[in-house]
mmCIF file of all heavy atoms, coordinates in Angstrom:
data_MODEL
# 
_entry.id   MODEL 
# 
loop_
_atom_site.group_PDB 
_atom_site.id 
_atom_site.type_symbol 
_atom_site.label_atom_id 
_atom_site.label_alt_id 
_atom_site.label_comp_id 
_atom_site.label_asym_id 
_atom_site.label_entity_id 
_atom_site.label_seq_id 
_atom_site.pdbx_PDB_ins_code 
_atom_site.Cartn_x 
_atom_site.Cartn_y 
_atom_site.Cartn_z 
_atom_site.occupancy 
_atom_site.B_iso_or_equiv 
_atom_site.pdbx_formal_charge 
_atom_site.auth_seq_id 
_atom_site.auth_comp_id 
_atom_site.auth_asym_id 
_atom_site.auth_atom_id 
_atom_site.pdbx_PDB_model_num 
ATOM 1   N N   . ARG A 1 1  ? 45.553 119.528 127.360 1.00 0.00 ? 1  ARG A N   1 
ATOM 2   C CA  . ARG A 1 1  ? 45.072 120.584 126.472 1.00 0.00 ? 1  ARG A CA  1 
ATOM 3   C C   . ARG A 1 1  ? 43.546 120.666 126.487 1.00 0.00 ? 1  ARG A C   1 
ATOM 4   O O   . ARG A 1 1  ? 42.869 120.282 125.551 1.00 0.00 ? 1  ARG A O   1 
ATOM 5   C CB  . ARG A 1 1  ? 45.577 120.346 125.055 1.00 0.00 ? 1  ARG A CB  1 
ATOM 6   C CG  . ARG A 1 1  ? 47.082 120.478 124.884 1.00 0.00 ? 1  ARG A CG  1 
ATOM 7   C CD  . ARG A 1 1  ? 47.567 121.905 125.154 1.00 0.00 ? 1  ARG A CD  1 
ATOM 8   N NE  . ARG A 1 1  ? 46.863 122.886 124.337 1.00 0.00 ? 1  ARG A NE  1 
ATOM 9   C CZ  . ARG A 1 1  ? 47.241 123.218 123.101 1.00 0.00 ? 1  ARG A CZ  1 
ATOM 10  N NH1 . ARG A 1 1  ? 48.303 122.636 122.558 1.00 0.00 ? 1  ARG A NH1 1 
ATOM 11  N NH2 . ARG A 1 1  ? 46.567 124.125 122.421 1.00 0.00 ? 1  ARG A NH2 1 
ATOM 12  N N   . SER A 1 2  ? 43.012 121.191 127.581 1.00 0.00 ? 2  SER A N   1 
ATOM 13  C CA  . SER A 1 2  ? 41.556 121.343 127.689 1.00 0.00 ? 2  SER A CA  1 
ATOM 14  C C   . SER A 1 2  ? 40.996 122.201 126.562 1.00 0.00 ? 2  SER A C   1 
ATOM 15  O O   . SER A 1 2  ? 39.872 121.981 126.095 1.00 0.00 ? 2  SER A O   1 
ATOM 16  C CB  . SER A 1 2  ? 41.196 121.967 129.038 1.00 0.00 ? 2  SER A CB  1 
ATOM 17  O OG  . SER A 1 2  ? 41.486 121.089 130.097 1.00 0.00 ? 2  SER A OG  1 
ATOM 18  N N   . ASP A 1 3  ? 41.786 123.180 126.111 1.00 0.00 ? 3  ASP A N   1 
ATOM 19  C CA  . ASP A 1 3  ? 41.330 124.050 125.034 1.00 0.00 ? 3  ASP A CA  1 
ATOM 20  C C   . ASP A 1 3  ? 41.110 123.267 123.745 1.00 0.00 ? 3  ASP A C   1 
ATOM 21  O O   . ASP A 1 3  ? 40.140 123.513 123.016 1.00 0.00 ? 3  ASP A O   1 
ATOM 22  C CB  . ASP A 1 3  ? 42.341 125.174 124.801 1.00 0.00 ? 3  ASP A CB  1 
ATOM 23  C CG  . ASP A 1 3  ? 43.740 124.649 124.466 1.00 0.00 ? 3  ASP A CG  1 
ATOM 24  O OD1 . ASP A 1 3  ? 44.147 123.598 125.010 1.00 0.00 ? 3  ASP A OD1 1 
ATOM 25  O OD2 . ASP A 1 3  ? 44.435 125.285 123.650 1.00 0.00 ? 3  ASP A OD2 1 
ATOM 26  N N   . MET A 1 4  ? 41.980 122.289 123.468 1.00 0.00 ? 4  MET A N   1 
ATOM 27  C CA  . MET A 1 4  ? 41.827 121.476 122.269 1.00 0.00 ? 4  MET A CA  1 
ATOM 28  C C   . MET A 1 4  ? 40.595 120.582 122.362 1.00 0.00 ? 4  MET A C   1 
ATOM 29  O O   . MET A 1 4  ? 39.891 120.366 121.364 1.00 0.00 ? 4  MET A O   1 
ATOM 30  C CB  . MET A 1 4  ? 43.079 120.638 122.030 1.00 0.00 ? 4  MET A CB  1 
ATOM 31  C CG  . MET A 1 4  ? 44.307 121.442 121.635 1.00 0.00 ? 4  MET A CG  1 
ATOM 32  S SD  . MET A 1 4  ? 45.774 120.396 121.365 1.00 0.00 ? 4  MET A SD  1 
ATOM 33  C CE  . MET A 1 4  ? 45.242 119.449 119.929 1.00 0.00 ? 4  MET A CE  1 
ATOM 34  N N   . TRP A 1 5  ? 40.328 120.055 123.555 1.00 0.00 ? 5  TRP A N   1 
ATOM 35  C CA  . TRP A 1 5  ? 39.120 119.237 123.744 1.00 0.00 ? 5  TRP A CA  1 
ATOM 36  C C   . TRP A 1 5  ? 37.870 120.063 123.458 1.00 0.00 ? 5  TRP A C   1 
ATOM 37  O O   . TRP A 1 5  ? 36.964 119.619 122.746 1.00 0.00 ? 5  TRP A O   1 
ATOM 38  C CB  . TRP A 1 5  ? 39.080 118.670 125.160 1.00 0.00 ? 5  TRP A CB  1 
ATOM 39  C CG  . TRP A 1 5  ? 39.966 117.484 125.326 1.00 0.00 ? 5  TRP A CG  1 
ATOM 40  C CD1 . TRP A 1 5  ? 41.285 117.480 125.665 1.00 0.00 ? 5  TRP A CD1 1 
ATOM 41  C CD2 . TRP A 1 5  ? 39.594 116.111 125.146 1.00 0.00 ? 5  TRP A CD2 1 
ATOM 42  N NE1 . TRP A 1 5  ? 41.770 116.185 125.698 1.00 0.00 ? 5  TRP A NE1 1 
ATOM 43  C CE2 . TRP A 1 5  ? 40.753 115.330 125.390 1.00 0.00 ? 5  TRP A CE2 1 
ATOM 44  C CE3 . TRP A 1 5  ? 38.412 115.461 124.815 1.00 0.00 ? 5  TRP A CE3 1 
ATOM 45  C CZ2 . TRP A 1 5  ? 40.751 113.940 125.306 1.00 0.00 ? 5  TRP A CZ2 1 
ATOM 46  C CZ3 . TRP A 1 5  ? 38.401 114.073 124.736 1.00 0.00 ? 5  TRP A CZ3 1 
ATOM 47  C CH2 . TRP A 1 5  ? 39.560 113.333 124.974 1.00 0.00 ? 5  TRP A CH2 1 
ATOM 48  N N   . LEU A 1 6  ? 37.838 121.275 123.989 1.00 0.00 ? 6  LEU A N   1 
ATOM 49  C CA  . LEU A 1 6  ? 36.686 122.148 123.739 1.00 0.00 ? 6  LEU A CA  1 
ATOM 50  C C   . LEU A 1 6  ? 36.535 122.454 122.257 1.00 0.00 ? 6  LEU A C   1 
ATOM 51  O O   . LEU A 1 6  ? 35.431 122.425 121.711 1.00 0.00 ? 6  LEU A O   1 
ATOM 52  C CB  . LEU A 1 6  ? 36.833 123.447 124.532 1.00 0.00 ? 6  LEU A CB  1 
ATOM 53  C CG  . LEU A 1 6  ? 36.415 123.402 126.000 1.00 0.00 ? 6  LEU A CG  1 
ATOM 54  C CD1 . LEU A 1 6  ? 36.834 124.677 126.711 1.00 0.00 ? 6  LEU A CD1 1 
ATOM 55  C CD2 . LEU A 1 6  ? 34.912 123.196 126.129 1.00 0.00 ? 6  LEU A CD2 1 
ATOM 56  N N   . ASP A 1 7  ? 37.645 122.755 121.587 1.00 0.00 ? 7  ASP A N   1 
ATOM 57  C CA  . ASP A 1 7  ? 37.598 123.077 120.161 1.00 0.00 ? 7  ASP A CA  1 
ATOM 58  C C   . ASP A 1 7  ? 37.050 121.905 119.355 1.00 0.00 ? 7  ASP A C   1 
ATOM 59  O O   . ASP A 1 7  ? 36.232 122.092 118.446 1.00 0.00 ? 7  ASP A O   1 
ATOM 60  C CB  . ASP A 1 7  ? 38.997 123.440 119.656 1.00 0.00 ? 7  ASP A CB  1 
ATOM 61  C CG  . ASP A 1 7  ? 39.451 124.814 120.131 1.00 0.00 ? 7  ASP A CG  1 
ATOM 62  O OD1 . ASP A 1 7  ? 38.598 125.584 120.610 1.00 0.00 ? 7  ASP A OD1 1 
ATOM 63  O OD2 . ASP A 1 7  ? 40.658 125.101 120.029 1.00 0.00 ? 7  ASP A OD2 1 
ATOM 64  N N   . LYS A 1 8  ? 37.495 120.684 119.660 1.00 0.00 ? 8  LYS A N   1 
ATOM 65  C CA  . LYS A 1 8  ? 37.053 119.525 118.894 1.00 0.00 ? 8  LYS A CA  1 
ATOM 66  C C   . LYS A 1 8  ? 35.589 119.183 119.180 1.00 0.00 ? 8  LYS A C   1 
ATOM 67  O O   . LYS A 1 8  ? 34.855 118.766 118.281 1.00 0.00 ? 8  LYS A O   1 
ATOM 68  C CB  . LYS A 1 8  ? 37.948 118.318 119.185 1.00 0.00 ? 8  LYS A CB  1 
ATOM 69  C CG  . LYS A 1 8  ? 39.368 118.467 118.680 1.00 0.00 ? 8  LYS A CG  1 
ATOM 70  C CD  . LYS A 1 8  ? 39.423 118.820 117.198 1.00 0.00 ? 8  LYS A CD  1 
ATOM 71  C CE  . LYS A 1 8  ? 40.847 118.971 116.711 1.00 0.00 ? 8  LYS A CE  1 
ATOM 72  N NZ  . LYS A 1 8  ? 40.911 119.483 115.310 1.00 0.00 ? 8  LYS A NZ  1 
ATOM 73  N N   . ILE A 1 9  ? 35.160 119.354 120.425 1.00 0.00 ? 9  ILE A N   1 
ATOM 74  C CA  . ILE A 1 9  ? 33.749 119.116 120.742 1.00 0.00 ? 9  ILE A CA  1 
ATOM 75  C C   . ILE A 1 9  ? 32.880 120.096 119.952 1.00 0.00 ? 9  ILE A C   1 
ATOM 76  O O   . ILE A 1 9  ? 31.871 119.718 119.342 1.00 0.00 ? 9  ILE A O   1 
ATOM 77  C CB  . ILE A 1 9  ? 33.477 119.245 122.252 1.00 0.00 ? 9  ILE A CB  1 
ATOM 78  C CG1 . ILE A 1 9  ? 34.244 118.168 123.033 1.00 0.00 ? 9  ILE A CG1 1 
ATOM 79  C CG2 . ILE A 1 9  ? 31.976 119.105 122.526 1.00 0.00 ? 9  ILE A CG2 1 
ATOM 80  C CD1 . ILE A 1 9  ? 34.229 118.372 124.533 1.00 0.00 ? 9  ILE A CD1 1 
ATOM 81  N N   . ARG A 1 10 ? 33.275 121.355 119.964 1.00 0.00 ? 10 ARG A N   1 
ATOM 82  C CA  . ARG A 1 10 ? 32.525 122.374 119.206 1.00 0.00 ? 10 ARG A CA  1 
ATOM 83  C C   . ARG A 1 10 ? 32.530 122.040 117.711 1.00 0.00 ? 10 ARG A C   1 
ATOM 84  O O   . ARG A 1 10 ? 31.525 122.220 117.020 1.00 0.00 ? 10 ARG A O   1 
ATOM 85  C CB  . ARG A 1 10 ? 33.128 123.753 119.446 1.00 0.00 ? 10 ARG A CB  1 
ATOM 86  C CG  . ARG A 1 10 ? 32.909 124.295 120.863 1.00 0.00 ? 10 ARG A CG  1 
ATOM 87  C CD  . ARG A 1 10 ? 33.326 125.745 120.979 1.00 0.00 ? 10 ARG A CD  1 
ATOM 88  N NE  . ARG A 1 10 ? 33.121 126.246 122.316 1.00 0.00 ? 10 ARG A NE  1 
ATOM 89  C CZ  . ARG A 1 10 ? 34.099 126.580 123.165 1.00 0.00 ? 10 ARG A CZ  1 
ATOM 90  N NH1 . ARG A 1 10 ? 35.372 126.463 122.781 1.00 0.00 ? 10 ARG A NH1 1 
ATOM 91  N NH2 . ARG A 1 10 ? 33.834 127.014 124.375 1.00 0.00 ? 10 ARG A NH2 1 
ATOM 92  N N   . TYR A 1 11 ? 33.666 121.569 117.218 1.00 0.00 ? 11 TYR A N   1 
ATOM 93  C CA  . TYR A 1 11 ? 33.770 121.198 115.814 1.00 0.00 ? 11 TYR A CA  1 
ATOM 94  C C   . TYR A 1 11 ? 32.813 120.050 115.487 1.00 0.00 ? 11 TYR A C   1 
ATOM 95  O O   . TYR A 1 11 ? 32.151 120.055 114.440 1.00 0.00 ? 11 TYR A O   1 
ATOM 96  C CB  . TYR A 1 11 ? 35.209 120.798 115.506 1.00 0.00 ? 11 TYR A CB  1 
ATOM 97  C CG  . TYR A 1 11 ? 35.467 120.423 114.069 1.00 0.00 ? 11 TYR A CG  1 
ATOM 98  C CD1 . TYR A 1 11 ? 35.480 121.403 113.081 1.00 0.00 ? 11 TYR A CD1 1 
ATOM 99  C CD2 . TYR A 1 11 ? 35.689 119.102 113.698 1.00 0.00 ? 11 TYR A CD2 1 
ATOM 100 C CE1 . TYR A 1 11 ? 35.719 121.070 111.757 1.00 0.00 ? 11 TYR A CE1 1 
ATOM 101 C CE2 . TYR A 1 11 ? 35.919 118.756 112.376 1.00 0.00 ? 11 TYR A CE2 1 
ATOM 102 C CZ  . TYR A 1 11 ? 35.942 119.750 111.412 1.00 0.00 ? 11 TYR A CZ  1 
ATOM 103 O OH  . TYR A 1 11 ? 36.163 119.416 110.097 1.00 0.00 ? 11 TYR A OH  1 
ATOM 104 N N   . CYS A 1 12 ? 32.724 119.100 116.391 1.00 0.00 ? 12 CYS A N   1 
ATOM 105 C CA  . CYS A 1 12 ? 31.797 117.980 116.202 1.00 0.00 ? 12 CYS A CA  1 
ATOM 106 C C   . CYS A 1 12 ? 30.355 118.460 116.187 1.00 0.00 ? 12 CYS A C   1 
ATOM 107 O O   . CYS A 1 12 ? 29.532 117.990 115.380 1.00 0.00 ? 12 CYS A O   1 
ATOM 108 C CB  . CYS A 1 12 ? 31.985 116.939 117.306 1.00 0.00 ? 12 CYS A CB  1 
ATOM 109 S SG  . CYS A 1 12 ? 33.554 116.032 117.219 1.00 0.00 ? 12 CYS A SG  1 
ATOM 110 N N   . VAL A 1 13 ? 30.017 119.372 117.073 1.00 0.00 ? 13 VAL A N   1 
ATOM 111 C CA  . VAL A 1 13 ? 28.653 119.918 117.113 1.00 0.00 ? 13 VAL A CA  1 
ATOM 112 C C   . VAL A 1 13 ? 28.334 120.651 115.817 1.00 0.00 ? 13 VAL A C   1 
ATOM 113 O O   . VAL A 1 13 ? 27.250 120.483 115.234 1.00 0.00 ? 13 VAL A O   1 
ATOM 114 C CB  . VAL A 1 13 ? 28.484 120.869 118.315 1.00 0.00 ? 13 VAL A CB  1 
ATOM 115 C CG1 . VAL A 1 13 ? 27.117 121.559 118.271 1.00 0.00 ? 13 VAL A CG1 1 
ATOM 116 C CG2 . VAL A 1 13 ? 28.648 120.119 119.634 1.00 0.00 ? 13 VAL A CG2 1 
ATOM 117 N N   . ASP A 1 14 ? 29.272 121.448 115.333 1.00 0.00 ? 14 ASP A N   1 
ATOM 118 C CA  . ASP A 1 14 ? 29.036 122.302 114.167 1.00 0.00 ? 14 ASP A CA  1 
ATOM 119 C C   . ASP A 1 14 ? 29.130 121.556 112.835 1.00 0.00 ? 14 ASP A C   1 
ATOM 120 O O   . ASP A 1 14 ? 28.707 122.078 111.802 1.00 0.00 ? 14 ASP A O   1 
ATOM 121 C CB  . ASP A 1 14 ? 30.038 123.458 114.152 1.00 0.00 ? 14 ASP A CB  1 
ATOM 122 C CG  . ASP A 1 14 ? 29.815 124.441 115.290 1.00 0.00 ? 14 ASP A CG  1 
ATOM 123 O OD1 . ASP A 1 14 ? 28.691 124.463 115.830 1.00 0.00 ? 14 ASP A OD1 1 
ATOM 124 O OD2 . ASP A 1 14 ? 30.762 125.155 115.653 1.00 0.00 ? 14 ASP A OD2 1 
ATOM 125 N N   . MET A 1 15 ? 29.678 120.358 112.822 1.00 0.00 ? 15 MET A N   1 
ATOM 126 C CA  . MET A 1 15 ? 29.908 119.625 111.578 1.00 0.00 ? 15 MET A CA  1 
ATOM 127 C C   . MET A 1 15 ? 28.597 119.343 110.844 1.00 0.00 ? 15 MET A C   1 
ATOM 128 O O   . MET A 1 15 ? 27.591 119.003 111.464 1.00 0.00 ? 15 MET A O   1 
ATOM 129 C CB  . MET A 1 15 ? 30.626 118.307 111.898 1.00 0.00 ? 15 MET A CB  1 
ATOM 130 C CG  . MET A 1 15 ? 31.103 117.547 110.684 1.00 0.00 ? 15 MET A CG  1 
ATOM 131 S SD  . MET A 1 15 ? 31.974 116.021 111.174 1.00 0.00 ? 15 MET A SD  1 
ATOM 132 C CE  . MET A 1 15 ? 33.420 116.701 111.969 1.00 0.00 ? 15 MET A CE  1 
ATOM 133 N N   . ASP A 1 16 ? 28.647 119.455 109.521 1.00 0.00 ? 16 ASP A N   1 
ATOM 134 C CA  . ASP A 1 16 ? 27.455 119.147 108.733 1.00 0.00 ? 16 ASP A CA  1 
ATOM 135 C C   . ASP A 1 16 ? 27.508 117.700 108.238 1.00 0.00 ? 16 ASP A C   1 
ATOM 136 O O   . ASP A 1 16 ? 28.479 116.978 108.470 1.00 0.00 ? 16 ASP A O   1 
ATOM 137 C CB  . ASP A 1 16 ? 27.292 120.131 107.576 1.00 0.00 ? 16 ASP A CB  1 
ATOM 138 C CG  . ASP A 1 16 ? 28.456 120.093 106.582 1.00 0.00 ? 16 ASP A CG  1 
ATOM 139 O OD1 . ASP A 1 16 ? 29.219 119.106 106.571 1.00 0.00 ? 16 ASP A OD1 1 
ATOM 140 O OD2 . ASP A 1 16 ? 28.601 121.059 105.811 1.00 0.00 ? 16 ASP A OD2 1 
ATOM 141 N N   . GLU A 1 17 ? 26.458 117.294 107.529 1.00 0.00 ? 17 GLU A N   1 
ATOM 142 C CA  . GLU A 1 17 ? 26.325 115.910 107.080 1.00 0.00 ? 17 GLU A CA  1 
ATOM 143 C C   . GLU A 1 17 ? 27.454 115.489 106.147 1.00 0.00 ? 17 GLU A C   1 
ATOM 144 O O   . GLU A 1 17 ? 28.013 114.403 106.278 1.00 0.00 ? 17 GLU A O   1 
ATOM 145 C CB  . GLU A 1 17 ? 24.969 115.733 106.385 1.00 0.00 ? 17 GLU A CB  1 
ATOM 146 C CG  . GLU A 1 17 ? 24.738 114.387 105.739 1.00 0.00 ? 17 GLU A CG  1 
ATOM 147 C CD  . GLU A 1 17 ? 24.380 113.281 106.722 1.00 0.00 ? 17 GLU A CD  1 
ATOM 148 O OE1 . GLU A 1 17 ? 24.390 113.536 107.941 1.00 0.00 ? 17 GLU A OE1 1 
ATOM 149 O OE2 . GLU A 1 17 ? 24.080 112.164 106.261 1.00 0.00 ? 17 GLU A OE2 1 
ATOM 150 N N   . ALA A 1 18 ? 27.808 116.344 105.196 1.00 0.00 ? 18 ALA A N   1 
ATOM 151 C CA  . ALA A 1 18 ? 28.829 115.984 104.207 1.00 0.00 ? 18 ALA A CA  1 
ATOM 152 C C   . ALA A 1 18 ? 30.181 115.735 104.871 1.00 0.00 ? 18 ALA A C   1 
ATOM 153 O O   . ALA A 1 18 ? 30.859 114.743 104.584 1.00 0.00 ? 18 ALA A O   1 
ATOM 154 C CB  . ALA A 1 18 ? 28.949 117.077 103.154 1.00 0.00 ? 18 ALA A CB  1 
ATOM 155 N N   . ALA A 1 19 ? 30.580 116.643 105.756 1.00 0.00 ? 19 ALA A N   1 
ATOM 156 C CA  . ALA A 1 19 ? 31.862 116.492 106.441 1.00 0.00 ? 19 ALA A CA  1 
ATOM 157 C C   . ALA A 1 19 ? 31.856 115.273 107.342 1.00 0.00 ? 19 ALA A C   1 
ATOM 158 O O   . ALA A 1 19 ? 32.860 114.544 107.436 1.00 0.00 ? 19 ALA A O   1 
ATOM 159 C CB  . ALA A 1 19 ? 32.177 117.750 107.243 1.00 0.00 ? 19 ALA A CB  1 
ATOM 160 N N   . TYR A 1 20 ? 30.717 115.033 108.006 1.00 0.00 ? 20 TYR A N   1 
ATOM 161 C CA  . TYR A 1 20 ? 30.656 113.883 108.906 1.00 0.00 ? 20 TYR A CA  1 
ATOM 162 C C   . TYR A 1 20 ? 30.756 112.567 108.144 1.00 0.00 ? 20 TYR A C   1 
ATOM 163 O O   . TYR A 1 20 ? 31.463 111.646 108.561 1.00 0.00 ? 20 TYR A O   1 
ATOM 164 C CB  . TYR A 1 20 ? 29.372 113.887 109.745 1.00 0.00 ? 20 TYR A CB  1 
ATOM 165 C CG  . TYR A 1 20 ? 29.304 112.646 110.601 1.00 0.00 ? 20 TYR A CG  1 
ATOM 166 C CD1 . TYR A 1 20 ? 30.139 112.496 111.697 1.00 0.00 ? 20 TYR A CD1 1 
ATOM 167 C CD2 . TYR A 1 20 ? 28.479 111.576 110.242 1.00 0.00 ? 20 TYR A CD2 1 
ATOM 168 C CE1 . TYR A 1 20 ? 30.142 111.333 112.438 1.00 0.00 ? 20 TYR A CE1 1 
ATOM 169 C CE2 . TYR A 1 20 ? 28.470 110.412 110.988 1.00 0.00 ? 20 TYR A CE2 1 
ATOM 170 C CZ  . TYR A 1 20 ? 29.314 110.299 112.087 1.00 0.00 ? 20 TYR A CZ  1 
ATOM 171 O OH  . TYR A 1 20 ? 29.336 109.129 112.807 1.00 0.00 ? 20 TYR A OH  1 
ATOM 172 N N   . LEU A 1 21 ? 30.051 112.456 107.032 1.00 0.00 ? 21 LEU A N   1 
ATOM 173 C CA  . LEU A 1 21 ? 30.082 111.215 106.273 1.00 0.00 ? 21 LEU A CA  1 
ATOM 174 C C   . LEU A 1 21 ? 31.498 110.886 105.807 1.00 0.00 ? 21 LEU A C   1 
ATOM 175 O O   . LEU A 1 21 ? 31.891 109.719 105.768 1.00 0.00 ? 21 LEU A O   1 
ATOM 176 C CB  . LEU A 1 21 ? 29.136 111.290 105.081 1.00 0.00 ? 21 LEU A CB  1 
ATOM 177 C CG  . LEU A 1 21 ? 27.643 111.141 105.402 1.00 0.00 ? 21 LEU A CG  1 
ATOM 178 C CD1 . LEU A 1 21 ? 26.800 111.277 104.140 1.00 0.00 ? 21 LEU A CD1 1 
ATOM 179 C CD2 . LEU A 1 21 ? 27.368 109.802 106.099 1.00 0.00 ? 21 LEU A CD2 1 
ATOM 180 N N   . LYS A 1 22 ? 32.270 111.910 105.470 1.00 0.00 ? 22 LYS A N   1 
ATOM 181 C CA  . LYS A 1 22 ? 33.660 111.679 105.086 1.00 0.00 ? 22 LYS A CA  1 
ATOM 182 C C   . LYS A 1 22 ? 34.438 111.047 106.232 1.00 0.00 ? 22 LYS A C   1 
ATOM 183 O O   . LYS A 1 22 ? 35.236 110.116 106.034 1.00 0.00 ? 22 LYS A O   1 
ATOM 184 C CB  . LYS A 1 22 ? 34.318 112.992 104.656 1.00 0.00 ? 22 LYS A CB  1 
ATOM 185 C CG  . LYS A 1 22 ? 33.843 113.518 103.318 1.00 0.00 ? 22 LYS A CG  1 
ATOM 186 C CD  . LYS A 1 22 ? 34.554 114.805 102.962 1.00 0.00 ? 22 LYS A CD  1 
ATOM 187 C CE  . LYS A 1 22 ? 34.075 115.348 101.616 1.00 0.00 ? 22 LYS A CE  1 
ATOM 188 N NZ  . LYS A 1 22 ? 34.742 116.629 101.271 1.00 0.00 ? 22 LYS A NZ  1 
ATOM 189 N N   . MET A 1 23 ? 34.216 111.551 107.448 1.00 0.00 ? 23 MET A N   1 
ATOM 190 C CA  . MET A 1 23 ? 34.911 110.999 108.619 1.00 0.00 ? 23 MET A CA  1 
ATOM 191 C C   . MET A 1 23 ? 34.423 109.597 108.943 1.00 0.00 ? 23 MET A C   1 
ATOM 192 O O   . MET A 1 23 ? 35.220 108.709 109.284 1.00 0.00 ? 23 MET A O   1 
ATOM 193 C CB  . MET A 1 23 ? 34.725 111.909 109.832 1.00 0.00 ? 23 MET A CB  1 
ATOM 194 C CG  . MET A 1 23 ? 35.525 113.188 109.790 1.00 0.00 ? 23 MET A CG  1 
ATOM 195 S SD  . MET A 1 23 ? 35.693 113.937 111.455 1.00 0.00 ? 23 MET A SD  1 
ATOM 196 C CE  . MET A 1 23 ? 36.918 112.847 112.188 1.00 0.00 ? 23 MET A CE  1 
ATOM 197 N N   . ALA A 1 24 ? 33.127 109.375 108.859 1.00 0.00 ? 24 ALA A N   1 
ATOM 198 C CA  . ALA A 1 24 ? 32.567 108.060 109.165 1.00 0.00 ? 24 ALA A CA  1 
ATOM 199 C C   . ALA A 1 24 ? 33.081 107.007 108.184 1.00 0.00 ? 24 ALA A C   1 
ATOM 200 O O   . ALA A 1 24 ? 33.446 105.889 108.575 1.00 0.00 ? 24 ALA A O   1 
ATOM 201 C CB  . ALA A 1 24 ? 31.047 108.110 109.136 1.00 0.00 ? 24 ALA A CB  1 
ATOM 202 N N   . ILE A 1 25 ? 33.133 107.363 106.909 1.00 0.00 ? 25 ILE A N   1 
ATOM 203 C CA  . ILE A 1 25 ? 33.665 106.452 105.891 1.00 0.00 ? 25 ILE A CA  1 
ATOM 204 C C   . ILE A 1 25 ? 35.142 106.188 106.142 1.00 0.00 ? 25 ILE A C   1 
ATOM 205 O O   . ILE A 1 25 ? 35.617 105.046 106.029 1.00 0.00 ? 25 ILE A O   1 
ATOM 206 C CB  . ILE A 1 25 ? 33.439 107.041 104.481 1.00 0.00 ? 25 ILE A CB  1 
ATOM 207 C CG1 . ILE A 1 25 ? 31.944 107.029 104.146 1.00 0.00 ? 25 ILE A CG1 1 
ATOM 208 C CG2 . ILE A 1 25 ? 34.224 106.264 103.432 1.00 0.00 ? 25 ILE A CG2 1 
ATOM 209 C CD1 . ILE A 1 25 ? 31.594 107.824 102.902 1.00 0.00 ? 25 ILE A CD1 1 
ATOM 210 N N   . ALA A 1 26 ? 35.885 107.234 106.506 1.00 0.00 ? 26 ALA A N   1 
ATOM 211 C CA  . ALA A 1 26 ? 37.312 107.075 106.792 1.00 0.00 ? 26 ALA A CA  1 
ATOM 212 C C   . ALA A 1 26 ? 37.537 106.182 108.003 1.00 0.00 ? 26 ALA A C   1 
ATOM 213 O O   . ALA A 1 26 ? 38.486 105.383 108.038 1.00 0.00 ? 26 ALA A O   1 
ATOM 214 C CB  . ALA A 1 26 ? 37.950 108.442 107.013 1.00 0.00 ? 26 ALA A CB  1 
# 
């Protein structure tokens, strides 16, 4: 699923600090 890889990479690029900290803590 190359399309899913692209979507998640873009999501990682676009993520802000608040959303990222939630993932890092998790």
